[in-house]
N, C-alpha and C. Protein backbone atom coordinates (compact mmCIF):
# COMPACT_ATOMS: atom_id res chain seq x y z
N MET A 1 -3.46 -60.19 13.81
CA MET A 1 -4.55 -60.02 13.62
C MET A 1 -4.35 -58.25 13.74
N ARG A 2 -4.04 -57.75 14.59
CA ARG A 2 -4.66 -56.34 14.72
C ARG A 2 -4.19 -55.66 13.43
N ILE A 3 -3.98 -55.98 12.56
CA ILE A 3 -3.71 -55.60 10.90
C ILE A 3 -5.26 -55.30 10.48
N LYS A 4 -5.98 -56.63 10.76
CA LYS A 4 -7.05 -56.77 10.41
C LYS A 4 -8.16 -55.99 11.08
N ALA A 5 -8.16 -55.39 12.16
CA ALA A 5 -8.25 -54.77 12.41
C ALA A 5 -8.75 -53.51 12.63
N LEU A 6 -7.36 -53.09 11.59
CA LEU A 6 -7.16 -51.33 12.13
C LEU A 6 -7.89 -51.08 10.37
N SER A 7 -7.30 -52.37 9.53
CA SER A 7 -7.72 -52.45 8.17
C SER A 7 -9.97 -52.50 8.14
N GLY A 8 -10.15 -53.35 8.89
CA GLY A 8 -11.93 -53.36 9.54
C GLY A 8 -12.61 -51.46 9.75
N ALA A 9 -11.09 -50.69 10.37
CA ALA A 9 -11.85 -49.57 10.59
C ALA A 9 -11.77 -48.73 9.86
N ILE A 10 -10.81 -48.91 9.08
CA ILE A 10 -10.48 -47.42 7.57
C ILE A 10 -11.42 -48.20 6.44
N LEU A 11 -12.46 -49.53 6.37
CA LEU A 11 -12.92 -49.93 5.38
C LEU A 11 -14.66 -48.87 5.34
N VAL A 12 -14.66 -48.75 7.18
CA VAL A 12 -15.97 -48.51 7.89
C VAL A 12 -15.97 -47.61 7.64
N THR A 13 -14.59 -46.83 8.16
CA THR A 13 -14.73 -44.98 7.76
C THR A 13 -14.60 -45.03 5.92
N VAL A 14 -14.15 -45.29 5.53
CA VAL A 14 -14.21 -44.92 3.75
C VAL A 14 -15.33 -45.24 3.50
N GLY A 15 -16.38 -46.25 4.06
CA GLY A 15 -17.90 -46.99 3.74
C GLY A 15 -18.41 -45.22 4.27
N ILE A 16 -18.11 -44.65 5.35
CA ILE A 16 -19.33 -43.59 6.16
C ILE A 16 -18.54 -42.33 5.16
N ALA A 17 -17.39 -42.27 5.38
CA ALA A 17 -17.54 -40.59 4.75
C ALA A 17 -18.07 -41.02 3.44
N THR A 18 -18.10 -41.93 2.03
CA THR A 18 -18.73 -41.84 0.61
C THR A 18 -20.25 -42.18 1.09
N ALA A 19 -21.21 -42.96 2.21
CA ALA A 19 -22.25 -42.06 2.58
C ALA A 19 -22.59 -41.45 2.71
N ALA A 20 -21.75 -40.12 3.42
CA ALA A 20 -22.68 -38.58 3.53
C ALA A 20 -21.62 -38.01 2.58
N CYS A 21 -21.14 -38.81 1.05
CA CYS A 21 -20.38 -37.59 -0.26
C CYS A 21 -21.67 -37.72 -0.80
N GLY A 22 -22.34 -39.11 -0.82
CA GLY A 22 -22.83 -39.89 -1.95
C GLY A 22 -24.39 -38.79 -2.19
N SER A 23 -24.39 -39.21 -3.78
CA SER A 23 -26.27 -38.77 -3.76
C SER A 23 -26.90 -39.97 -4.05
N SER A 24 -28.59 -38.44 -3.06
CA SER A 24 -29.55 -39.29 -2.01
C SER A 24 -29.49 -40.02 -3.22
N SER A 25 -30.29 -39.70 -4.34
CA SER A 25 -30.77 -40.12 -5.71
C SER A 25 -30.70 -41.90 -6.15
N ASN A 26 -28.22 -41.95 -5.83
CA ASN A 26 -28.05 -43.05 -5.76
C ASN A 26 -26.73 -43.63 -4.86
N ASN A 27 -27.94 -44.44 -3.81
CA ASN A 27 -27.64 -45.19 -3.03
C ASN A 27 -26.71 -46.05 -2.43
N ASN A 28 -26.78 -47.26 -3.76
CA ASN A 28 -26.45 -47.90 -4.09
C ASN A 28 -25.41 -48.50 -4.84
N ALA A 29 -24.09 -46.72 -4.71
CA ALA A 29 -23.46 -46.35 -5.65
C ALA A 29 -21.49 -46.48 -5.36
N GLN A 30 -21.17 -47.72 -5.67
CA GLN A 30 -19.58 -48.00 -4.51
C GLN A 30 -18.76 -46.35 -5.07
N PRO A 31 -17.50 -46.66 -4.12
CA PRO A 31 -16.79 -45.60 -4.63
C PRO A 31 -15.33 -45.94 -5.63
N ALA A 32 -15.31 -45.27 -6.89
CA ALA A 32 -14.42 -45.04 -7.24
C ALA A 32 -13.13 -46.59 -7.54
N SER A 33 -12.88 -47.34 -7.93
CA SER A 33 -11.84 -47.80 -7.68
C SER A 33 -10.26 -46.97 -7.97
N SER A 34 -9.99 -46.37 -8.23
CA SER A 34 -9.57 -45.29 -9.04
C SER A 34 -9.01 -43.88 -7.80
N ALA A 35 -10.04 -43.46 -6.84
CA ALA A 35 -10.23 -42.42 -5.70
C ALA A 35 -9.53 -43.29 -4.73
N ALA A 36 -8.02 -42.30 -3.72
CA ALA A 36 -7.78 -42.19 -3.06
C ALA A 36 -8.61 -42.36 -1.63
N PRO A 37 -8.65 -43.34 -0.74
CA PRO A 37 -9.90 -43.14 0.17
C PRO A 37 -8.75 -42.47 1.04
N ILE A 38 -9.27 -41.13 1.79
CA ILE A 38 -8.98 -40.82 3.21
C ILE A 38 -9.55 -41.25 4.22
N ALA A 39 -8.89 -41.48 5.28
CA ALA A 39 -9.23 -42.87 5.96
C ALA A 39 -8.58 -42.01 7.41
N THR A 40 -9.33 -41.40 8.57
CA THR A 40 -8.97 -41.44 9.74
C THR A 40 -8.12 -42.22 10.20
N VAL A 41 -7.18 -42.78 11.48
CA VAL A 41 -6.52 -43.10 11.63
C VAL A 41 -6.31 -42.84 13.03
N ALA A 42 -5.99 -43.85 14.20
CA ALA A 42 -6.04 -42.96 15.91
C ALA A 42 -4.68 -42.57 15.55
N GLY A 43 -4.04 -41.33 15.68
CA GLY A 43 -3.22 -40.77 16.20
C GLY A 43 -2.46 -40.73 15.14
N ALA A 44 -3.34 -40.24 14.03
CA ALA A 44 -3.09 -39.54 12.83
C ALA A 44 -3.48 -38.10 12.74
N SER A 45 -2.65 -37.11 12.40
CA SER A 45 -3.73 -36.10 12.15
C SER A 45 -4.53 -35.45 10.87
N ALA A 46 -5.38 -34.63 10.52
CA ALA A 46 -5.99 -34.21 9.91
C ALA A 46 -5.54 -33.26 8.21
N SER A 47 -5.73 -33.23 7.13
CA SER A 47 -5.21 -32.85 6.84
C SER A 47 -5.58 -31.69 6.35
N ARG A 48 -5.13 -30.70 5.82
CA ARG A 48 -5.11 -28.85 5.65
C ARG A 48 -5.37 -29.04 3.93
N VAL A 49 -5.70 -28.58 3.24
CA VAL A 49 -5.43 -28.55 2.07
C VAL A 49 -5.31 -26.63 1.61
N GLY A 50 -4.88 -26.77 0.87
CA GLY A 50 -4.71 -24.81 -0.01
C GLY A 50 -4.66 -25.12 -1.19
N THR A 51 -5.12 -23.94 -2.09
CA THR A 51 -4.89 -23.43 -3.80
C THR A 51 -4.08 -22.78 -4.06
N PHE A 52 -2.60 -22.72 -4.76
CA PHE A 52 -2.11 -21.88 -4.65
C PHE A 52 -3.25 -21.27 -6.04
N THR A 53 -2.10 -19.47 -5.91
CA THR A 53 -2.36 -18.60 -6.61
C THR A 53 -0.86 -17.33 -6.08
N GLY A 54 -0.80 -16.82 -7.57
CA GLY A 54 0.46 -16.17 -7.93
C GLY A 54 0.42 -14.44 -6.95
N LEU A 55 1.20 -14.38 -6.76
CA LEU A 55 1.99 -13.00 -5.73
C LEU A 55 2.73 -12.54 -6.65
N ASN A 56 2.30 -11.24 -6.44
CA ASN A 56 3.48 -10.37 -7.35
C ASN A 56 3.89 -10.44 -8.78
N ASP A 57 3.32 -10.88 -8.88
CA ASP A 57 2.94 -10.63 -11.08
C ASP A 57 3.64 -12.26 -11.40
N LYS A 58 3.32 -13.21 -10.80
CA LYS A 58 4.11 -13.87 -10.43
C LYS A 58 2.90 -15.83 -10.47
N HIS A 59 3.68 -16.69 -11.85
CA HIS A 59 2.49 -17.94 -11.71
C HIS A 59 2.90 -18.41 -10.51
N VAL A 60 1.81 -18.67 -9.84
CA VAL A 60 1.58 -20.46 -9.05
C VAL A 60 0.69 -20.92 -9.29
N SER A 61 0.55 -22.48 -9.51
CA SER A 61 -1.28 -23.50 -9.45
C SER A 61 -0.42 -24.72 -8.70
N GLY A 62 -1.54 -25.13 -8.32
CA GLY A 62 -1.93 -26.31 -7.99
C GLY A 62 -2.35 -26.90 -6.48
N THR A 63 -2.38 -27.59 -6.25
CA THR A 63 -3.06 -28.03 -4.19
C THR A 63 -1.84 -28.02 -3.78
N ALA A 64 -2.05 -27.48 -2.11
CA ALA A 64 -0.85 -28.15 -1.21
C ALA A 64 -1.55 -28.53 0.16
N THR A 65 -1.73 -30.26 0.25
CA THR A 65 -1.46 -30.41 1.19
C THR A 65 -1.03 -30.90 3.47
N VAL A 66 -1.72 -30.38 3.72
CA VAL A 66 -0.44 -30.64 4.71
C VAL A 66 -0.84 -31.24 5.81
N THR A 67 -0.23 -32.34 6.27
CA THR A 67 -0.63 -33.26 7.29
C THR A 67 0.17 -32.86 8.99
N ALA A 68 1.01 -33.61 9.41
CA ALA A 68 1.59 -33.73 10.62
C ALA A 68 2.88 -33.88 10.19
N GLY A 69 3.32 -33.94 9.19
CA GLY A 69 4.70 -34.38 8.72
C GLY A 69 5.04 -34.15 6.66
N THR A 70 3.95 -34.42 6.96
CA THR A 70 4.32 -33.71 4.70
C THR A 70 3.21 -32.74 4.74
N VAL A 71 4.17 -32.02 3.47
CA VAL A 71 3.59 -30.82 2.83
C VAL A 71 3.51 -31.85 1.24
N VAL A 72 2.44 -32.12 0.87
CA VAL A 72 2.60 -32.65 -0.75
C VAL A 72 1.64 -31.35 -2.21
N LEU A 73 2.38 -31.80 -3.14
CA LEU A 73 2.62 -30.79 -3.60
C LEU A 73 1.90 -31.20 -4.95
N THR A 74 0.60 -30.98 -5.54
CA THR A 74 -0.41 -32.16 -6.62
C THR A 74 -0.49 -31.01 -7.52
N GLY A 75 -0.78 -31.04 -9.09
CA GLY A 75 -0.97 -30.64 -10.07
C GLY A 75 -0.07 -28.99 -10.27
N PHE A 76 0.83 -28.79 -9.78
CA PHE A 76 1.47 -27.54 -9.15
C PHE A 76 2.71 -27.25 -9.94
N SER A 77 2.26 -25.94 -10.33
CA SER A 77 3.66 -25.62 -12.01
C SER A 77 3.82 -24.09 -11.35
N SER A 78 4.77 -23.95 -11.01
CA SER A 78 5.59 -21.50 -11.08
C SER A 78 6.28 -21.60 -12.06
N ASP A 79 6.47 -20.53 -12.06
CA ASP A 79 7.00 -19.56 -13.03
C ASP A 79 8.82 -19.73 -11.88
N ALA A 80 9.86 -19.59 -13.31
CA ALA A 80 10.98 -20.65 -12.57
C ALA A 80 11.42 -19.35 -12.12
N GLY A 81 12.42 -19.91 -11.05
CA GLY A 81 13.48 -18.88 -10.83
C GLY A 81 14.78 -19.25 -9.95
N PRO A 82 14.78 -18.52 -9.87
CA PRO A 82 16.70 -19.12 -9.16
C PRO A 82 17.35 -19.51 -8.49
N ASP A 83 16.36 -19.35 -6.97
CA ASP A 83 16.59 -20.30 -6.31
C ASP A 83 15.38 -20.32 -5.21
N LEU A 84 13.56 -21.29 -5.65
CA LEU A 84 12.72 -21.31 -5.12
C LEU A 84 12.63 -22.79 -4.39
N HIS A 85 11.82 -22.56 -3.20
CA HIS A 85 12.22 -23.20 -2.10
C HIS A 85 10.69 -23.15 -1.37
N ILE A 86 10.01 -24.61 -0.50
CA ILE A 86 8.35 -23.55 -0.18
C ILE A 86 8.71 -23.84 1.81
N TYR A 87 8.10 -22.51 1.55
CA TYR A 87 7.87 -22.50 3.28
C TYR A 87 6.23 -23.23 4.16
N LEU A 88 6.46 -23.68 4.69
CA LEU A 88 5.47 -23.24 5.96
C LEU A 88 5.47 -22.17 6.93
N THR A 89 4.43 -21.22 6.74
CA THR A 89 4.16 -19.77 7.49
C THR A 89 2.71 -19.11 8.10
N ASP A 90 2.57 -17.99 8.33
CA ASP A 90 1.39 -17.55 9.00
C ASP A 90 1.12 -16.39 8.44
N GLY A 91 0.79 -16.31 7.03
CA GLY A 91 1.01 -14.79 6.17
C GLY A 91 1.96 -15.34 5.36
N THR A 92 1.72 -13.87 3.92
CA THR A 92 1.91 -13.77 2.72
C THR A 92 3.67 -12.72 2.55
N GLU A 93 4.13 -12.36 3.42
CA GLU A 93 5.15 -11.23 3.53
C GLU A 93 6.70 -11.64 3.59
N GLU A 94 7.15 -10.78 3.56
CA GLU A 94 8.76 -11.59 3.86
C GLU A 94 9.11 -11.84 5.20
N SER A 95 8.37 -10.82 6.52
CA SER A 95 8.14 -11.27 7.39
C SER A 95 7.63 -12.37 8.43
N ALA A 96 7.22 -12.89 7.21
CA ALA A 96 5.70 -14.15 7.71
C ALA A 96 6.75 -15.71 7.03
N VAL A 97 8.00 -15.23 5.90
CA VAL A 97 8.48 -16.04 5.34
C VAL A 97 9.56 -16.54 5.52
N SER A 98 10.26 -15.58 6.52
CA SER A 98 11.16 -15.84 7.61
C SER A 98 10.84 -16.60 8.74
N ALA A 99 9.79 -15.71 9.79
CA ALA A 99 9.38 -16.49 10.68
C ALA A 99 9.46 -17.66 9.87
N GLY A 100 9.04 -18.72 9.07
CA GLY A 100 8.08 -19.67 8.86
C GLY A 100 9.04 -20.81 8.76
N LYS A 101 8.19 -21.69 8.07
CA LYS A 101 9.64 -22.65 8.37
C LYS A 101 9.74 -23.96 6.75
N GLU A 102 10.97 -23.28 6.46
CA GLU A 102 11.01 -23.59 5.73
C GLU A 102 11.68 -25.17 5.46
N LEU A 103 11.36 -25.96 4.04
CA LEU A 103 11.26 -26.98 3.93
C LEU A 103 11.66 -27.80 2.65
N GLY A 104 12.33 -26.98 2.20
CA GLY A 104 13.52 -27.43 1.22
C GLY A 104 12.65 -26.43 -0.72
N GLY A 105 13.70 -26.78 -1.27
CA GLY A 105 13.68 -26.17 -2.37
C GLY A 105 13.08 -26.55 -3.01
N VAL A 106 12.03 -26.61 -4.26
CA VAL A 106 10.85 -27.29 -4.93
C VAL A 106 11.54 -26.45 -6.94
N ALA A 107 11.07 -27.35 -6.97
CA ALA A 107 10.40 -27.22 -8.43
C ALA A 107 9.86 -26.46 -9.17
N SER A 108 9.76 -25.83 -9.82
CA SER A 108 8.41 -25.43 -10.52
C SER A 108 7.87 -26.01 -11.71
N ASP A 109 8.73 -27.04 -11.91
CA ASP A 109 7.70 -27.63 -13.65
C ASP A 109 7.81 -28.89 -12.99
N LYS A 110 7.84 -29.58 -11.59
CA LYS A 110 7.57 -31.08 -11.01
C LYS A 110 5.85 -30.96 -10.42
N ALA A 111 4.88 -31.24 -11.55
CA ALA A 111 3.91 -31.67 -10.86
C ALA A 111 3.07 -31.94 -9.43
N SER A 112 4.24 -33.44 -8.66
CA SER A 112 3.71 -34.21 -7.70
C SER A 112 5.54 -33.67 -6.80
N GLN A 113 5.29 -33.00 -5.93
CA GLN A 113 6.56 -33.33 -5.27
C GLN A 113 6.15 -33.61 -3.50
N THR A 114 6.91 -33.76 -3.03
CA THR A 114 6.41 -34.47 -1.30
C THR A 114 8.02 -33.59 -0.74
N PHE A 115 7.66 -33.34 0.18
CA PHE A 115 8.50 -32.33 1.28
C PHE A 115 7.85 -32.64 3.29
N THR A 116 9.02 -33.22 3.94
CA THR A 116 8.81 -33.88 5.17
C THR A 116 9.10 -32.05 5.74
N VAL A 117 7.70 -32.94 7.35
CA VAL A 117 8.05 -31.62 8.18
C VAL A 117 8.84 -31.84 9.31
N SER A 118 10.05 -31.17 9.39
CA SER A 118 10.48 -32.22 11.27
C SER A 118 11.39 -30.54 11.30
N GLY A 119 10.94 -30.98 12.38
CA GLY A 119 10.62 -29.86 14.32
C GLY A 119 10.21 -29.32 13.92
N ALA A 120 9.12 -29.19 13.71
CA ALA A 120 7.94 -28.05 14.03
C ALA A 120 6.60 -28.41 13.73
N ASP A 121 5.46 -28.02 14.10
CA ASP A 121 3.82 -28.45 14.08
C ASP A 121 3.29 -28.21 12.92
N ALA A 122 2.85 -28.61 11.89
CA ALA A 122 2.11 -28.36 10.28
C ALA A 122 1.42 -27.32 10.61
N ALA A 123 0.98 -27.92 11.51
CA ALA A 123 -0.82 -27.07 12.00
C ALA A 123 -1.14 -26.43 12.78
N LYS A 124 0.65 -25.90 12.93
CA LYS A 124 0.45 -24.19 14.15
C LYS A 124 0.83 -22.97 12.29
N TYR A 125 0.34 -23.57 11.32
CA TYR A 125 1.11 -22.50 10.09
C TYR A 125 -0.07 -22.93 9.59
N THR A 126 -0.95 -21.05 9.05
CA THR A 126 -2.03 -21.17 7.76
C THR A 126 -1.64 -21.11 6.73
N HIS A 127 0.41 -20.72 6.19
CA HIS A 127 0.38 -21.16 4.00
C HIS A 127 1.34 -21.49 3.94
N VAL A 128 0.72 -21.98 2.45
CA VAL A 128 2.40 -22.26 2.36
C VAL A 128 2.59 -21.54 1.50
N VAL A 129 4.26 -21.60 1.60
CA VAL A 129 4.52 -20.16 0.25
C VAL A 129 5.22 -20.70 -0.40
N ILE A 130 5.69 -20.15 -2.24
CA ILE A 130 6.50 -20.38 -2.57
C ILE A 130 7.45 -18.94 -2.35
N HIS A 131 8.76 -19.40 -2.72
CA HIS A 131 9.01 -18.39 -1.96
C HIS A 131 11.07 -18.22 -2.95
N CYS A 132 11.27 -16.84 -3.89
CA CYS A 132 12.80 -17.08 -4.03
C CYS A 132 13.52 -16.62 -3.02
N ASP A 133 14.05 -17.44 -2.28
CA ASP A 133 15.49 -16.79 -1.30
C ASP A 133 16.17 -15.60 -2.17
N LYS A 134 16.34 -16.40 -3.01
CA LYS A 134 17.62 -15.40 -3.56
C LYS A 134 17.77 -13.51 -3.92
N ALA A 135 16.29 -14.11 -4.72
CA ALA A 135 15.48 -12.40 -4.93
C ALA A 135 14.75 -11.96 -4.02
N LYS A 136 14.57 -12.79 -2.18
CA LYS A 136 13.50 -12.73 -1.49
C LYS A 136 11.97 -12.16 -2.95
N ALA A 137 11.95 -12.98 -3.50
CA ALA A 137 10.51 -12.70 -3.73
C ALA A 137 9.64 -13.34 -3.35
N VAL A 138 7.87 -13.63 -2.94
CA VAL A 138 7.60 -14.76 -2.29
C VAL A 138 6.58 -14.52 -3.19
N PHE A 139 6.27 -15.93 -4.49
CA PHE A 139 6.19 -15.87 -5.99
C PHE A 139 4.51 -16.42 -6.01
N GLY A 140 3.90 -17.06 -4.93
CA GLY A 140 2.81 -17.64 -4.42
C GLY A 140 2.39 -18.51 -4.11
N ALA A 141 1.22 -18.30 -2.56
CA ALA A 141 1.05 -19.56 -1.48
C ALA A 141 -0.57 -19.52 -1.96
N ALA A 142 -0.82 -20.73 -0.69
CA ALA A 142 -1.96 -21.68 -1.18
C ALA A 142 -2.55 -21.09 0.49
N SER A 143 -3.12 -20.86 1.01
CA SER A 143 -4.32 -20.33 2.41
C SER A 143 -4.80 -21.79 2.79
N LEU A 144 -4.26 -22.39 3.99
CA LEU A 144 -4.45 -24.09 3.87
C LEU A 144 -6.31 -23.83 5.15
N SER A 145 -7.40 -24.91 5.08
CA SER A 145 -8.49 -24.57 5.96
C SER A 145 -9.03 -25.87 5.40
């Protein structure tokens, strides 16, 4: 019974979000079935999103979506590096990377990647940074909002 109540709450939330974002010229529009609805469930943290920009003459593109427990990269690509890692940081300089939370190695040519955030509060960070640990160089960053 609890599952039914939760799914009803999600449907109501999706319905409200769809109505708020819909065009006023087509009030009967239905959400596309391929679109992934975003719903707020009790206890879940809001997502923050940022678009990557290359830094230091490097190319990095795509989107980072950060929630309490994960960082998801979509449409991601980067210049290749010998030791690329992803970090949650409070800036894009080396000192911010050093003080940030490293999430693991990142593949420069894999468009979709997911990283688990453990031992840190993802909400306290302002950027997702792609960093070459071997060269000690920031390749790119996404400012979260």
